Structures are given as structure tokens and as C-alpha cells.
Amino acid sequence: MDRTNRKQAEFILGEITIPCVTMVNEVIGLTVQGTQLLINTYFGDLSDVEIPQKYYFEMCGKQGYFLTVINHLYGSSKAKTKRGFKKLLAEALPSLIDPKNGLIQKEPELTPADFKRFDEFLLKVRDK
């Protein structure tokens, strides 16, 4: 087990720091706490919202919400605090932004390097 990187992954979105879930050094989602922080800060009108199960994951002992939960929250919210949110998102996660709508890509294109890292990860898991 790799114990060299024990620091919680995070990204800064405006004035808040959101904890993330990573796998193979790539952000795959927001922690449950990070999602709640996002809701409390930018989507206050959704404080009691039940997030659809399709955004939730549990993998390798990690739980959270896929990044596309941000699209769901943005579309569901009527809060005025979401103004300027797409700009903040583009600054925080530029490689994941869909240029058509300014939100997270639903199916980000994987590069050959992404596939190689994923293959290496699967081989490591298989060999353990």
C-alpha cells in the first residue's frame, strides 16, 4: 500500500477548499463533506436536497459523489449565490470543463496516457 501521499486531495473553488476523492492521482469526485460544503456555499436552497444515487460511489474504501454531481446541483438550484459559479469552476478544474455549457463534462475524453495509467492501476490491483 502506498503511504507516501497521505494528504487529502482538494481544489479551491472561490473562497472555499473542497476535499476530493482521488484514484491513481486523478480526482474522480468530491467527498461527501466536500459536496455538502459546496451546497452550503453556492447552492443554499438545496440544503435539504436528496442527491440521486447515480452520483454516489463507494470504491476502495472511499465514498463520495462523482464530479458530475456539480452539474446536477447547478441545474437544480435557484440560488443567487451561483452567479459566477461557472467561471470559478473553469478556474478550478479547467481540463474537465465542457466548452459548450461551462459545466463538468459528462463523459470526459480519455487520452492514451489516461488509459495507460488505468491499465497500470488494474494490473497492480490484480497482482496484490
Protein backbone atom coordinates (compact mmCIF):
# COMPACT_ATOMS: atom_id res chain seq x y z
CA MET A 1 0.00 0.00 0.00
CA ASP A 2 1.37 3.40 -0.94
CA ARG A 3 1.66 5.60 2.12
CA THR A 4 3.70 8.40 0.58
CA ASN A 5 0.77 10.69 -0.24
CA ARG A 6 -1.46 10.82 2.83
CA LYS A 7 -2.56 14.43 2.34
CA GLN A 8 -6.23 14.90 1.44
CA ALA A 9 -6.66 15.96 -2.19
CA GLU A 10 -8.53 19.20 -2.62
CA PHE A 11 -9.26 22.01 -5.01
CA ILE A 12 -10.04 25.65 -4.39
CA LEU A 13 -13.32 26.99 -5.70
CA GLY A 14 -13.63 30.68 -4.99
CA GLU A 15 -13.14 31.16 -1.28
CA ILE A 16 -13.58 27.52 -0.23
CA THR A 17 -11.34 24.48 -0.34
CA ILE A 18 -13.20 21.33 -1.32
CA PRO A 19 -11.86 17.90 -0.33
CA CYS A 20 -11.79 15.41 -3.21
CA VAL A 21 -11.50 11.69 -3.76
CA THR A 22 -8.62 10.57 -5.96
CA MET A 23 -7.68 7.30 -7.59
CA VAL A 24 -4.35 6.84 -9.33
CA ASN A 25 -3.55 10.50 -8.61
CA GLU A 26 -6.63 11.71 -10.52
CA VAL A 27 -9.63 13.46 -8.99
CA ILE A 28 -12.73 11.32 -9.53
CA GLY A 29 -15.16 13.07 -7.25
CA LEU A 30 -15.94 15.13 -4.20
CA THR A 31 -16.02 13.74 -0.70
CA VAL A 32 -19.43 13.67 0.96
CA GLN A 33 -18.24 16.53 3.19
CA GLY A 34 -16.90 18.43 0.17
CA THR A 35 -20.24 18.10 -1.59
CA GLN A 36 -22.05 19.42 1.47
CA LEU A 37 -19.62 22.35 1.68
CA LEU A 38 -20.31 23.13 -1.98
CA ILE A 39 -24.06 23.04 -1.37
CA ASN A 40 -23.84 25.23 1.74
CA THR A 41 -21.66 27.81 -0.02
CA TYR A 42 -23.13 28.09 -3.51
CA PHE A 43 -26.44 26.25 -3.53
CA GLY A 44 -28.01 27.14 -0.17
CA ASP A 45 -31.52 26.49 -1.44
CA LEU A 46 -30.57 22.81 -1.82
CA SER A 47 -29.55 22.24 1.81
CA ASP A 48 -32.21 19.53 2.23
CA VAL A 49 -31.93 18.08 -1.27
CA GLU A 50 -31.55 14.35 -1.74
CA ILE A 51 -28.85 13.76 -4.34
CA PRO A 52 -29.74 10.97 -6.81
CA GLN A 53 -27.93 7.69 -6.15
CA LYS A 54 -26.37 7.67 -9.64
CA TYR A 55 -23.88 10.36 -8.50
CA TYR A 56 -22.78 8.46 -5.38
CA PHE A 57 -19.90 5.98 -5.31
CA GLU A 58 -18.07 3.69 -2.92
CA MET A 59 -14.76 2.38 -4.26
CA CYS A 60 -11.71 1.01 -2.50
CA GLY A 61 -12.97 2.24 0.85
CA LYS A 62 -13.67 5.76 -0.44
CA GLN A 63 -17.11 7.34 -0.66
CA GLY A 64 -18.24 10.48 -2.38
CA TYR A 65 -20.01 11.95 -5.36
CA PHE A 66 -18.78 11.94 -8.95
CA LEU A 67 -17.82 15.38 -10.25
CA THR A 68 -20.94 15.43 -12.44
CA VAL A 69 -22.96 15.98 -9.24
CA ILE A 70 -21.90 19.61 -9.70
CA ASN A 71 -23.97 19.76 -12.91
CA HIS A 72 -26.97 18.33 -11.04
CA LEU A 73 -26.63 20.86 -8.22
CA TYR A 74 -26.19 23.77 -10.61
CA GLY A 75 -29.25 22.77 -12.63
CA SER A 76 -31.39 22.19 -9.54
CA SER A 77 -30.52 25.41 -7.72
CA LYS A 78 -32.28 28.74 -7.95
CA ALA A 79 -29.84 30.41 -5.51
CA LYS A 80 -28.38 33.78 -6.44
CA THR A 81 -25.02 32.71 -4.98
CA LYS A 82 -24.46 30.52 -8.05
CA ARG A 83 -23.75 33.63 -10.15
CA GLY A 84 -20.20 33.46 -11.42
CA PHE A 85 -20.05 29.78 -10.45
CA LYS A 86 -19.12 28.56 -13.94
CA LYS A 87 -16.19 30.97 -14.03
CA LEU A 88 -14.93 29.65 -10.67
CA LEU A 89 -15.36 26.10 -11.92
CA ALA A 90 -13.36 26.82 -15.07
CA GLU A 91 -10.52 28.22 -12.96
CA ALA A 92 -10.54 25.30 -10.50
CA LEU A 93 -10.95 22.37 -12.92
CA PRO A 94 -10.11 23.65 -16.42
CA SER A 95 -9.42 20.28 -18.02
CA LEU A 96 -12.82 18.90 -17.02
CA ILE A 97 -14.99 21.76 -18.30
CA ASP A 98 -17.25 21.27 -21.30
CA PRO A 99 -16.78 24.35 -23.50
CA LYS A 100 -20.40 24.12 -24.68
CA ASN A 101 -22.08 24.69 -21.31
CA GLY A 102 -19.30 25.63 -18.86
CA LEU A 103 -20.02 22.71 -16.54
CA ILE A 104 -18.27 19.38 -15.92
CA GLN A 105 -18.02 17.11 -18.97
CA LYS A 106 -20.39 14.21 -18.58
CA GLU A 107 -18.05 11.85 -20.36
CA PRO A 108 -14.58 13.34 -20.41
CA GLU A 109 -12.43 12.06 -23.23
CA LEU A 110 -9.60 9.89 -22.02
CA THR A 111 -6.18 10.29 -23.53
CA PRO A 112 -3.88 7.34 -24.29
CA ALA A 113 -1.92 8.34 -21.16
CA ASP A 114 -5.15 8.10 -19.10
CA PHE A 115 -5.77 4.58 -20.43
CA LYS A 116 -2.17 3.59 -19.70
CA ARG A 117 -2.42 4.80 -16.08
CA PHE A 118 -5.72 2.98 -15.67
CA ASP A 119 -4.25 -0.22 -17.09
CA GLU A 120 -1.25 0.06 -14.74
CA PHE A 121 -3.58 0.56 -11.79
CA LEU A 122 -5.66 -2.50 -12.72
CA LEU A 123 -2.53 -4.62 -13.10
CA LYS A 124 -1.27 -3.54 -9.66
CA VAL A 125 -4.61 -4.39 -8.06
CA ARG A 126 -4.73 -7.75 -9.81
CA ASP A 127 -1.21 -8.65 -8.69
CA LYS A 128 -1.84 -7.87 -4.99
